[in-house]
Amino acid sequence: ARKLADILTHTLGVEPEELRPDVTMAALELDSLALAELGAAVHDQFGV
């Protein structure tokens, strides 16, 4: 969760205070391109 939060804040520009367990990716204003970037960052960070 901490590493994902870092990806979302540092790579995708999400404000840290917006990250809650129940917040959706849409509520964070992540579009399909941002979700693709998230997927690539997850692969780079976690190898999955």
All heavy atoms as atom14 arrays in JSON, in Angstrom:
{
  "sequence": "ARKLADILTHTLGVEPEELRPDVTMAALELDSLALAELGAAVHDQFGV",
  "atom14_mask": [
    [1, 1, 1, 1, 1, 0, 0, 0, 0, 0, 0, 0, 0, 0],
    [1, 1, 1, 1, 1, 1, 1, 1, 1, 1, 1, 0, 0, 0],
    [1, 1, 1, 1, 1, 1, 1, 1, 1, 0, 0, 0, 0, 0],
    [1, 1, 1, 1, 1, 1, 1, 1, 0, 0, 0, 0, 0, 0],
    [1, 1, 1, 1, 1, 0, 0, 0, 0, 0, 0, 0, 0, 0],
    [1, 1, 1, 1, 1, 1, 1, 1, 0, 0, 0, 0, 0, 0],
    [1, 1, 1, 1, 1, 1, 1, 1, 0, 0, 0, 0, 0, 0],
    [1, 1, 1, 1, 1, 1, 1, 1, 0, 0, 0, 0, 0, 0],
    [1, 1, 1, 1, 1, 1, 1, 0, 0, 0, 0, 0, 0, 0],
    [1, 1, 1, 1, 1, 1, 1, 1, 1, 1, 0, 0, 0, 0],
    [1, 1, 1, 1, 1, 1, 1, 0, 0, 0, 0, 0, 0, 0],
    [1, 1, 1, 1, 1, 1, 1, 1, 0, 0, 0, 0, 0, 0],
    [1, 1, 1, 1, 0, 0, 0, 0, 0, 0, 0, 0, 0, 0],
    [1, 1, 1, 1, 1, 1, 1, 0, 0, 0, 0, 0, 0, 0],
    [1, 1, 1, 1, 1, 1, 1, 1, 1, 0, 0, 0, 0, 0],
    [1, 1, 1, 1, 1, 1, 1, 0, 0, 0, 0, 0, 0, 0],
    [1, 1, 1, 1, 1, 1, 1, 1, 1, 0, 0, 0, 0, 0],
    [1, 1, 1, 1, 1, 1, 1, 1, 1, 0, 0, 0, 0, 0],
    [1, 1, 1, 1, 1, 1, 1, 1, 0, 0, 0, 0, 0, 0],
    [1, 1, 1, 1, 1, 1, 1, 1, 1, 1, 1, 0, 0, 0],
    [1, 1, 1, 1, 1, 1, 1, 0, 0, 0, 0, 0, 0, 0],
    [1, 1, 1, 1, 1, 1, 1, 1, 0, 0, 0, 0, 0, 0],
    [1, 1, 1, 1, 1, 1, 1, 0, 0, 0, 0, 0, 0, 0],
    [1, 1, 1, 1, 1, 1, 1, 0, 0, 0, 0, 0, 0, 0],
    [1, 1, 1, 1, 1, 1, 1, 1, 0, 0, 0, 0, 0, 0],
    [1, 1, 1, 1, 1, 0, 0, 0, 0, 0, 0, 0, 0, 0],
    [1, 1, 1, 1, 1, 0, 0, 0, 0, 0, 0, 0, 0, 0],
    [1, 1, 1, 1, 1, 1, 1, 1, 0, 0, 0, 0, 0, 0],
    [1, 1, 1, 1, 1, 1, 1, 1, 1, 0, 0, 0, 0, 0],
    [1, 1, 1, 1, 1, 1, 1, 1, 0, 0, 0, 0, 0, 0],
    [1, 1, 1, 1, 1, 1, 1, 1, 0, 0, 0, 0, 0, 0],
    [1, 1, 1, 1, 1, 1, 0, 0, 0, 0, 0, 0, 0, 0],
    [1, 1, 1, 1, 1, 1, 1, 1, 0, 0, 0, 0, 0, 0],
    [1, 1, 1, 1, 1, 0, 0, 0, 0, 0, 0, 0, 0, 0],
    [1, 1, 1, 1, 1, 1, 1, 1, 0, 0, 0, 0, 0, 0],
    [1, 1, 1, 1, 1, 0, 0, 0, 0, 0, 0, 0, 0, 0],
    [1, 1, 1, 1, 1, 1, 1, 1, 1, 0, 0, 0, 0, 0],
    [1, 1, 1, 1, 1, 1, 1, 1, 0, 0, 0, 0, 0, 0],
    [1, 1, 1, 1, 0, 0, 0, 0, 0, 0, 0, 0, 0, 0],
    [1, 1, 1, 1, 1, 0, 0, 0, 0, 0, 0, 0, 0, 0],
    [1, 1, 1, 1, 1, 0, 0, 0, 0, 0, 0, 0, 0, 0],
    [1, 1, 1, 1, 1, 1, 1, 0, 0, 0, 0, 0, 0, 0],
    [1, 1, 1, 1, 1, 1, 1, 1, 1, 1, 0, 0, 0, 0],
    [1, 1, 1, 1, 1, 1, 1, 1, 0, 0, 0, 0, 0, 0],
    [1, 1, 1, 1, 1, 1, 1, 1, 1, 0, 0, 0, 0, 0],
    [1, 1, 1, 1, 1, 1, 1, 1, 1, 1, 1, 0, 0, 0],
    [1, 1, 1, 1, 0, 0, 0, 0, 0, 0, 0, 0, 0, 0],
    [1, 1, 1, 1, 1, 1, 1, 0, 0, 0, 0, 0, 0, 0]
  ],
  "atom14_positions": [
    [[0.83, -1.2, 0.0], [0.0, 0.0, 0.0], [0.86, 1.25, 0.0], [0.57, 2.22, -0.72], [-0.94, -0.01, 1.2], [0.0, 0.0, 0.0], [0.0, 0.0, 0.0], [0.0, 0.0, 0.0], [0.0, 0.0, 0.0], [0.0, 0.0, 0.0], [0.0, 0.0, 0.0], [0.0, 0.0, 0.0], [0.0, 0.0, 0.0], [0.0, 0.0, 0.0]],
    [[1.93, 1.24, 0.75], [2.82, 2.41, 0.83], [3.47, 2.66, -0.53], [3.54, 3.79, -1.0], [3.88, 2.2, 1.9], [4.76, 3.42, 2.12], [5.71, 3.28, 3.29], [4.95, 3.17, 4.52], [5.02, 2.11, 5.35], [5.79, 1.09, 5.09], [4.31, 2.08, 6.46], [0.0, 0.0, 0.0], [0.0, 0.0, 0.0], [0.0, 0.0, 0.0]],
    [[3.95, 1.59, -1.15], [4.61, 1.75, -2.46], [3.62, 2.18, -3.52], [3.95, 3.0, -4.39], [5.31, 0.45, -2.85], [6.55, 0.19, -2.02], [7.25, -1.09, -2.43], [8.48, -1.33, -1.57], [9.17, -2.56, -1.96], [0.0, 0.0, 0.0], [0.0, 0.0, 0.0], [0.0, 0.0, 0.0], [0.0, 0.0, 0.0], [0.0, 0.0, 0.0]],
    [[2.4, 1.64, -3.48], [1.38, 2.08, -4.43], [1.02, 3.55, -4.2], [0.81, 4.3, -5.15], [0.12, 1.22, -4.31], [0.17, -0.1, -5.07], [-1.06, -0.93, -4.75], [0.29, 0.12, -6.55], [0.0, 0.0, 0.0], [0.0, 0.0, 0.0], [0.0, 0.0, 0.0], [0.0, 0.0, 0.0], [0.0, 0.0, 0.0], [0.0, 0.0, 0.0]],
    [[0.94, 3.94, -2.95], [0.67, 5.34, -2.63], [1.77, 6.23, -3.19], [1.49, 7.3, -3.75], [0.54, 5.53, -1.12], [0.0, 0.0, 0.0], [0.0, 0.0, 0.0], [0.0, 0.0, 0.0], [0.0, 0.0, 0.0], [0.0, 0.0, 0.0], [0.0, 0.0, 0.0], [0.0, 0.0, 0.0], [0.0, 0.0, 0.0], [0.0, 0.0, 0.0]],
    [[3.02, 5.79, -3.08], [4.14, 6.56, -3.64], [4.01, 6.68, -5.16], [4.24, 7.76, -5.72], [5.48, 5.9, -3.29], [5.89, 6.11, -1.85], [5.29, 6.97, -1.17], [6.8, 5.39, -1.4], [0.0, 0.0, 0.0], [0.0, 0.0, 0.0], [0.0, 0.0, 0.0], [0.0, 0.0, 0.0], [0.0, 0.0, 0.0], [0.0, 0.0, 0.0]],
    [[3.63, 5.58, -5.83], [3.45, 5.62, -7.28], [2.35, 6.61, -7.64], [2.51, 7.44, -8.53], [3.11, 4.21, -7.83], [4.33, 3.29, -7.71], [2.62, 4.29, -9.27], [4.02, 1.82, -7.97], [0.0, 0.0, 0.0], [0.0, 0.0, 0.0], [0.0, 0.0, 0.0], [0.0, 0.0, 0.0], [0.0, 0.0, 0.0], [0.0, 0.0, 0.0]],
    [[1.24, 6.51, -6.93], [0.1, 7.39, -7.24], [0.43, 8.85, -6.99], [0.03, 9.72, -7.76], [-1.13, 6.96, -6.44], [-1.79, 5.67, -6.91], [-2.75, 5.15, -5.87], [-2.5, 5.89, -8.24], [0.0, 0.0, 0.0], [0.0, 0.0, 0.0], [0.0, 0.0, 0.0], [0.0, 0.0, 0.0], [0.0, 0.0, 0.0], [0.0, 0.0, 0.0]],
    [[1.16, 9.14, -5.94], [1.46, 10.54, -5.62], [2.6, 11.09, -6.46], [2.49, 12.18, -7.03], [1.76, 10.74, -4.13], [2.85, 9.89, -3.74], [0.54, 10.44, -3.28], [0.0, 0.0, 0.0], [0.0, 0.0, 0.0], [0.0, 0.0, 0.0], [0.0, 0.0, 0.0], [0.0, 0.0, 0.0], [0.0, 0.0, 0.0], [0.0, 0.0, 0.0]],
    [[3.69, 10.34, -6.58], [4.87, 10.87, -7.26], [4.81, 10.73, -8.78], [5.3, 11.59, -9.49], [6.14, 10.2, -6.73], [6.39, 10.52, -5.3], [6.33, 9.58, -4.3], [6.66, 11.7, -4.68], [6.56, 10.15, -3.14], [6.76, 11.44, -3.34], [0.0, 0.0, 0.0], [0.0, 0.0, 0.0], [0.0, 0.0, 0.0], [0.0, 0.0, 0.0]],
    [[4.2, 9.66, -9.27], [4.16, 9.43, -10.71], [2.91, 10.0, -11.35], [2.96, 10.57, -12.44], [4.26, 7.92, -11.01], [5.45, 7.41, -10.41], [4.3, 7.65, -12.5], [0.0, 0.0, 0.0], [0.0, 0.0, 0.0], [0.0, 0.0, 0.0], [0.0, 0.0, 0.0], [0.0, 0.0, 0.0], [0.0, 0.0, 0.0], [0.0, 0.0, 0.0]],
    [[1.78, 9.85, -10.66], [0.5, 10.24, -11.26], [-0.1, 11.51, -10.68], [-1.19, 11.92, -11.07], [-0.48, 9.07, -11.16], [-0.02, 7.81, -11.9], [-0.96, 6.66, -11.66], [0.12, 8.08, -13.39], [0.0, 0.0, 0.0], [0.0, 0.0, 0.0], [0.0, 0.0, 0.0], [0.0, 0.0, 0.0], [0.0, 0.0, 0.0], [0.0, 0.0, 0.0]],
    [[0.57, 12.12, -9.72], [0.15, 13.43, -9.22], [-1.05, 13.44, -8.28], [-1.66, 14.48, -8.08], [0.0, 0.0, 0.0], [0.0, 0.0, 0.0], [0.0, 0.0, 0.0], [0.0, 0.0, 0.0], [0.0, 0.0, 0.0], [0.0, 0.0, 0.0], [0.0, 0.0, 0.0], [0.0, 0.0, 0.0], [0.0, 0.0, 0.0], [0.0, 0.0, 0.0]],
    [[-1.36, 12.31, -7.68], [-2.47, 12.25, -6.72], [-2.01, 12.88, -5.41], [-0.88, 12.68, -4.97], [-2.91, 10.78, -6.5], [-3.93, 10.67, -5.38], [-3.46, 10.19, -7.79], [0.0, 0.0, 0.0], [0.0, 0.0, 0.0], [0.0, 0.0, 0.0], [0.0, 0.0, 0.0], [0.0, 0.0, 0.0], [0.0, 0.0, 0.0], [0.0, 0.0, 0.0]],
    [[-2.89, 13.64, -4.8], [-2.57, 14.25, -3.51], [-2.62, 13.17, -2.42], [-3.59, 12.41, -2.35], [-3.56, 15.36, -3.17], [-3.49, 16.54, -4.12], [-2.16, 17.26, -4.06], [-1.57, 17.35, -2.97], [-1.71, 17.74, -5.12], [0.0, 0.0, 0.0], [0.0, 0.0, 0.0], [0.0, 0.0, 0.0], [0.0, 0.0, 0.0], [0.0, 0.0, 0.0]],
    [[-1.61, 13.1, -1.56], [-1.57, 12.05, -0.52], [-2.82, 11.99, 0.36], [-3.26, 10.91, 0.73], [-0.34, 12.41, 0.31], [0.51, 13.24, -0.59], [-0.44, 13.96, -1.51], [0.0, 0.0, 0.0], [0.0, 0.0, 0.0], [0.0, 0.0, 0.0], [0.0, 0.0, 0.0], [0.0, 0.0, 0.0], [0.0, 0.0, 0.0], [0.0, 0.0, 0.0]],
    [[-3.39, 13.15, 0.67], [-4.57, 13.16, 1.55], [-5.8, 12.56, 0.87], [-6.78, 12.24, 1.54], [-4.86, 14.57, 2.07], [-5.12, 15.6, 1.02], [-3.86, 16.29, 0.5], [-2.73, 15.93, 0.88], [-4.01, 17.19, -0.33], [0.0, 0.0, 0.0], [0.0, 0.0, 0.0], [0.0, 0.0, 0.0], [0.0, 0.0, 0.0], [0.0, 0.0, 0.0]],
    [[-5.76, 12.39, -0.45], [-6.87, 11.79, -1.17], [-6.88, 10.27, -1.06], [-7.9, 9.64, -1.34], [-6.83, 12.16, -2.65], [-7.06, 13.63, -2.94], [-7.04, 13.9, -4.42], [-8.11, 13.81, -5.04], [-5.95, 14.19, -4.95], [0.0, 0.0, 0.0], [0.0, 0.0, 0.0], [0.0, 0.0, 0.0], [0.0, 0.0, 0.0], [0.0, 0.0, 0.0]],
    [[-5.76, 9.67, -0.7], [-5.66, 8.22, -0.67], [-6.27, 7.64, 0.59], [-5.77, 7.83, 1.69], [-4.19, 7.79, -0.79], [-3.57, 8.05, -2.15], [-2.1, 7.69, -2.13], [-4.29, 7.27, -3.23], [0.0, 0.0, 0.0], [0.0, 0.0, 0.0], [0.0, 0.0, 0.0], [0.0, 0.0, 0.0], [0.0, 0.0, 0.0], [0.0, 0.0, 0.0]],
    [[-7.39, 6.96, 0.38], [-8.09, 6.23, 1.43], [-8.41, 4.86, 0.86], [-8.53, 4.7, -0.35], [-9.41, 6.92, 1.81], [-9.28, 8.33, 2.33], [-10.66, 8.94, 2.62], [-11.69, 8.63, 1.61], [-11.86, 9.3, 0.47], [-11.08, 10.32, 0.17], [-12.82, 8.96, -0.38], [0.0, 0.0, 0.0], [0.0, 0.0, 0.0], [0.0, 0.0, 0.0]],
    [[-8.59, 3.86, 1.7], [-8.88, 2.52, 1.18], [-10.1, 2.47, 0.25], [-10.12, 1.71, -0.7], [-9.12, 1.69, 2.44], [-8.34, 2.4, 3.5], [-8.44, 3.86, 3.15], [0.0, 0.0, 0.0], [0.0, 0.0, 0.0], [0.0, 0.0, 0.0], [0.0, 0.0, 0.0], [0.0, 0.0, 0.0], [0.0, 0.0, 0.0], [0.0, 0.0, 0.0]],
    [[-11.1, 3.33, 0.51], [-12.35, 3.26, -0.25], [-12.41, 4.21, -1.45], [-13.4, 4.22, -2.17], [-13.53, 3.53, 0.67], [-13.5, 4.94, 1.27], [-12.41, 5.55, 1.33], [-14.56, 5.43, 1.67], [0.0, 0.0, 0.0], [0.0, 0.0, 0.0], [0.0, 0.0, 0.0], [0.0, 0.0, 0.0], [0.0, 0.0, 0.0], [0.0, 0.0, 0.0]],
    [[-11.37, 4.98, -1.7], [-11.41, 5.92, -2.83], [-11.21, 5.15, -4.14], [-10.37, 4.26, -4.23], [-10.36, 7.04, -2.67], [-8.94, 6.55, -2.86], [-10.65, 8.19, -3.62], [0.0, 0.0, 0.0], [0.0, 0.0, 0.0], [0.0, 0.0, 0.0], [0.0, 0.0, 0.0], [0.0, 0.0, 0.0], [0.0, 0.0, 0.0], [0.0, 0.0, 0.0]],
    [[-12.03, 5.49, -5.14], [-11.9, 4.82, -6.43], [-10.87, 5.54, -7.31], [-10.55, 6.71, -7.08], [-13.24, 4.79, -7.19], [-13.63, 6.13, -7.5], [-14.33, 4.08, -6.39], [0.0, 0.0, 0.0], [0.0, 0.0, 0.0], [0.0, 0.0, 0.0], [0.0, 0.0, 0.0], [0.0, 0.0, 0.0], [0.0, 0.0, 0.0], [0.0, 0.0, 0.0]],
    [[-10.42, 4.81, -8.3], [-9.48, 5.4, -9.25], [-10.15, 6.55, -10.01], [-9.52, 7.56, -10.31], [-8.94, 4.34, -10.22], [-8.17, 3.19, -9.54], [-6.69, 3.71, -8.61], [-7.28, 3.62, -6.92], [0.0, 0.0, 0.0], [0.0, 0.0, 0.0], [0.0, 0.0, 0.0], [0.0, 0.0, 0.0], [0.0, 0.0, 0.0], [0.0, 0.0, 0.0]],
    [[-11.45, 6.41, -10.29], [-12.19, 7.48, -10.96], [-12.24, 8.73, -10.08], [-12.09, 9.85, -10.57], [-13.59, 7.03, -11.32], [0.0, 0.0, 0.0], [0.0, 0.0, 0.0], [0.0, 0.0, 0.0], [0.0, 0.0, 0.0], [0.0, 0.0, 0.0], [0.0, 0.0, 0.0], [0.0, 0.0, 0.0], [0.0, 0.0, 0.0], [0.0, 0.0, 0.0]],
    [[-12.45, 8.55, -8.78], [-12.5, 9.68, -7.86], [-11.15, 10.4, -7.79], [-11.09, 11.59, -7.52], [-12.94, 9.23, -6.48], [0.0, 0.0, 0.0], [0.0, 0.0, 0.0], [0.0, 0.0, 0.0], [0.0, 0.0, 0.0], [0.0, 0.0, 0.0], [0.0, 0.0, 0.0], [0.0, 0.0, 0.0], [0.0, 0.0, 0.0], [0.0, 0.0, 0.0]],
    [[-10.08, 9.65, -8.06], [-8.75, 10.24, -8.1], [-8.46, 10.87, -9.47], [-7.37, 11.36, -9.71], [-7.68, 9.19, -7.78], [-7.74, 8.6, -6.38], [-6.72, 7.47, -6.23], [-7.5, 9.67, -5.32], [0.0, 0.0, 0.0], [0.0, 0.0, 0.0], [0.0, 0.0, 0.0], [0.0, 0.0, 0.0], [0.0, 0.0, 0.0], [0.0, 0.0, 0.0]],
    [[-9.48, 10.81, -10.35], [-9.41, 11.37, -11.69], [-8.35, 10.69, -12.56], [-7.68, 11.33, -13.38], [-9.2, 12.88, -11.64], [-10.35, 13.6, -10.93], [-10.2, 15.11, -10.92], [-9.29, 15.65, -11.57], [-11.0, 15.74, -10.21], [0.0, 0.0, 0.0], [0.0, 0.0, 0.0], [0.0, 0.0, 0.0], [0.0, 0.0, 0.0], [0.0, 0.0, 0.0]],
    [[-8.2, 9.37, -12.37], [-7.29, 8.6, -13.2], [-8.05, 8.07, -14.41], [-9.03, 7.34, -14.27], [-6.68, 7.44, -12.4], [-5.85, 7.82, -11.18], [-5.25, 6.58, -10.54], [-4.75, 8.8, -11.54], [0.0, 0.0, 0.0], [0.0, 0.0, 0.0], [0.0, 0.0, 0.0], [0.0, 0.0, 0.0], [0.0, 0.0, 0.0], [0.0, 0.0, 0.0]],
    [[-7.61, 8.46, -15.58], [-8.24, 7.98, -16.8], [-7.56, 6.69, -17.26], [-6.67, 6.18, -16.57], [-8.21, 9.06, -17.88], [-6.79, 9.5, -18.25], [-5.81, 8.8, -17.88], [-6.66, 10.53, -18.92], [0.0, 0.0, 0.0], [0.0, 0.0, 0.0], [0.0, 0.0, 0.0], [0.0, 0.0, 0.0], [0.0, 0.0, 0.0], [0.0, 0.0, 0.0]],
    [[-7.96, 6.19, -18.41], [-7.41, 4.91, -18.88], [-5.91, 4.99, -19.12], [-5.18, 4.03, -18.87], [-8.14, 4.44, -20.13], [-8.07, 5.41, -21.15], [0.0, 0.0, 0.0], [0.0, 0.0, 0.0], [0.0, 0.0, 0.0], [0.0, 0.0, 0.0], [0.0, 0.0, 0.0], [0.0, 0.0, 0.0], [0.0, 0.0, 0.0], [0.0, 0.0, 0.0]],
    [[-5.42, 6.13, -19.58], [-3.97, 6.29, -19.78], [-3.24, 6.25, -18.44], [-2.21, 5.58, -18.31], [-3.67, 7.61, -20.51], [-2.19, 7.9, -20.76], [-1.54, 6.8, -21.58], [-2.02, 9.24, -21.45], [0.0, 0.0, 0.0], [0.0, 0.0, 0.0], [0.0, 0.0, 0.0], [0.0, 0.0, 0.0], [0.0, 0.0, 0.0], [0.0, 0.0, 0.0]],
    [[-3.77, 6.93, -17.44], [-3.16, 6.92, -16.1], [-3.19, 5.51, -15.51], [-2.22, 5.09, -14.86], [-3.86, 7.9, -15.19], [0.0, 0.0, 0.0], [0.0, 0.0, 0.0], [0.0, 0.0, 0.0], [0.0, 0.0, 0.0], [0.0, 0.0, 0.0], [0.0, 0.0, 0.0], [0.0, 0.0, 0.0], [0.0, 0.0, 0.0], [0.0, 0.0, 0.0]],
    [[-4.27, 4.77, -15.75], [-4.34, 3.4, -15.26], [-3.31, 2.52, -15.96], [-2.72, 1.63, -15.33], [-5.75, 2.83, -15.43], [-6.8, 3.47, -14.52], [-8.19, 2.95, -14.88], [-6.49, 3.21, -13.05], [0.0, 0.0, 0.0], [0.0, 0.0, 0.0], [0.0, 0.0, 0.0], [0.0, 0.0, 0.0], [0.0, 0.0, 0.0], [0.0, 0.0, 0.0]],
    [[-3.07, 2.76, -17.25], [-2.02, 2.03, -17.96], [-0.65, 2.36, -17.37], [0.2, 1.46, -17.2], [-2.06, 2.36, -19.45], [0.0, 0.0, 0.0], [0.0, 0.0, 0.0], [0.0, 0.0, 0.0], [0.0, 0.0, 0.0], [0.0, 0.0, 0.0], [0.0, 0.0, 0.0], [0.0, 0.0, 0.0], [0.0, 0.0, 0.0], [0.0, 0.0, 0.0]],
    [[-0.43, 3.63, -17.05], [0.82, 4.05, -16.41], [0.97, 3.38, -15.05], [2.06, 2.95, -14.67], [0.88, 5.56, -16.26], [1.06, 6.31, -17.54], [1.13, 7.81, -17.33], [1.88, 8.27, -16.45], [0.39, 8.52, -18.03], [0.0, 0.0, 0.0], [0.0, 0.0, 0.0], [0.0, 0.0, 0.0], [0.0, 0.0, 0.0], [0.0, 0.0, 0.0]],
    [[-0.14, 3.3, -14.31], [-0.12, 2.64, -13.02], [0.26, 1.17, -13.19], [1.09, 0.65, -12.45], [-1.49, 2.76, -12.33], [-1.65, 2.04, -11.0], [-0.66, 2.55, -9.96], [-3.08, 2.18, -10.49], [0.0, 0.0, 0.0], [0.0, 0.0, 0.0], [0.0, 0.0, 0.0], [0.0, 0.0, 0.0], [0.0, 0.0, 0.0], [0.0, 0.0, 0.0]],
    [[-0.33, 0.51, -14.18], [0.0, -0.89, -14.44], [1.47, -1.08, -14.77], [2.11, -2.03, -14.28], [0.0, 0.0, 0.0], [0.0, 0.0, 0.0], [0.0, 0.0, 0.0], [0.0, 0.0, 0.0], [0.0, 0.0, 0.0], [0.0, 0.0, 0.0], [0.0, 0.0, 0.0], [0.0, 0.0, 0.0], [0.0, 0.0, 0.0], [0.0, 0.0, 0.0]],
    [[2.03, -0.19, -15.58], [3.45, -0.27, -15.91], [4.32, -0.04, -14.68], [5.32, -0.73, -14.47], [3.78, 0.74, -17.01], [0.0, 0.0, 0.0], [0.0, 0.0, 0.0], [0.0, 0.0, 0.0], [0.0, 0.0, 0.0], [0.0, 0.0, 0.0], [0.0, 0.0, 0.0], [0.0, 0.0, 0.0], [0.0, 0.0, 0.0], [0.0, 0.0, 0.0]],
    [[3.93, 0.92, -13.86], [4.69, 1.21, -12.64], [4.62, 0.04, -11.66], [5.6, -0.28, -10.99], [4.18, 2.5, -11.99], [0.0, 0.0, 0.0], [0.0, 0.0, 0.0], [0.0, 0.0, 0.0], [0.0, 0.0, 0.0], [0.0, 0.0, 0.0], [0.0, 0.0, 0.0], [0.0, 0.0, 0.0], [0.0, 0.0, 0.0], [0.0, 0.0, 0.0]],
    [[3.45, -0.59, -11.58], [3.3, -1.78, -10.71], [4.23, -2.89, -11.21], [4.92, -3.54, -10.41], [1.82, -2.26, -10.68], [1.71, -3.68, -10.14], [0.98, -1.3, -9.86], [0.0, 0.0, 0.0], [0.0, 0.0, 0.0], [0.0, 0.0, 0.0], [0.0, 0.0, 0.0], [0.0, 0.0, 0.0], [0.0, 0.0, 0.0], [0.0, 0.0, 0.0]],
    [[4.27, -3.08, -12.51], [5.15, -4.11, -13.06], [6.61, -3.8, -12.74], [7.37, -4.68, -12.33], [4.94, -4.25, -14.57], [5.73, -5.36, -15.16], [6.93, -5.18, -15.79], [5.49, -6.7, -15.19], [7.41, -6.33, -16.19], [6.55, -7.27, -15.83], [0.0, 0.0, 0.0], [0.0, 0.0, 0.0], [0.0, 0.0, 0.0], [0.0, 0.0, 0.0]],
    [[7.01, -2.55, -12.92], [8.39, -2.15, -12.62], [8.72, -2.31, -11.14], [9.79, -2.8, -10.79], [8.62, -0.69, -13.01], [8.63, -0.48, -14.52], [8.73, -1.46, -15.28], [8.54, 0.7, -14.94], [0.0, 0.0, 0.0], [0.0, 0.0, 0.0], [0.0, 0.0, 0.0], [0.0, 0.0, 0.0], [0.0, 0.0, 0.0], [0.0, 0.0, 0.0]],
    [[7.8, -1.91, -10.27], [8.05, -1.91, -8.82], [7.96, -3.3, -8.21], [8.76, -3.67, -7.36], [7.06, -0.98, -8.12], [7.21, -0.92, -6.62], [8.49, -0.22, -6.18], [8.84, 0.83, -6.69], [9.19, -0.81, -5.24], [0.0, 0.0, 0.0], [0.0, 0.0, 0.0], [0.0, 0.0, 0.0], [0.0, 0.0, 0.0], [0.0, 0.0, 0.0]],
    [[6.96, -4.07, -8.63], [6.67, -5.34, -7.96], [6.95, -6.57, -8.82], [6.91, -7.69, -8.31], [5.19, -5.38, -7.52], [4.82, -4.28, -6.58], [4.1, -3.19, -7.01], [5.18, -4.33, -5.24], [3.74, -2.17, -6.15], [4.84, -3.32, -4.36], [4.12, -2.23, -4.81], [0.0, 0.0, 0.0], [0.0, 0.0, 0.0], [0.0, 0.0, 0.0]],
    [[7.18, -6.38, -10.11], [7.46, -7.5, -10.99], [6.25, -8.35, -11.33], [6.39, -9.5, -11.73], [0.0, 0.0, 0.0], [0.0, 0.0, 0.0], [0.0, 0.0, 0.0], [0.0, 0.0, 0.0], [0.0, 0.0, 0.0], [0.0, 0.0, 0.0], [0.0, 0.0, 0.0], [0.0, 0.0, 0.0], [0.0, 0.0, 0.0], [0.0, 0.0, 0.0]],
    [[5.06, -7.79, -11.18], [3.83, -8.5, -11.51], [2.97, -7.62, -12.41], [3.13, -6.4, -12.43], [3.02, -8.91, -10.26], [3.81, -9.87, -9.39], [2.59, -7.69, -9.45], [0.0, 0.0, 0.0], [0.0, 0.0, 0.0], [0.0, 0.0, 0.0], [0.0, 0.0, 0.0], [0.0, 0.0, 0.0], [0.0, 0.0, 0.0], [0.0, 0.0, 0.0]]
  ]
}
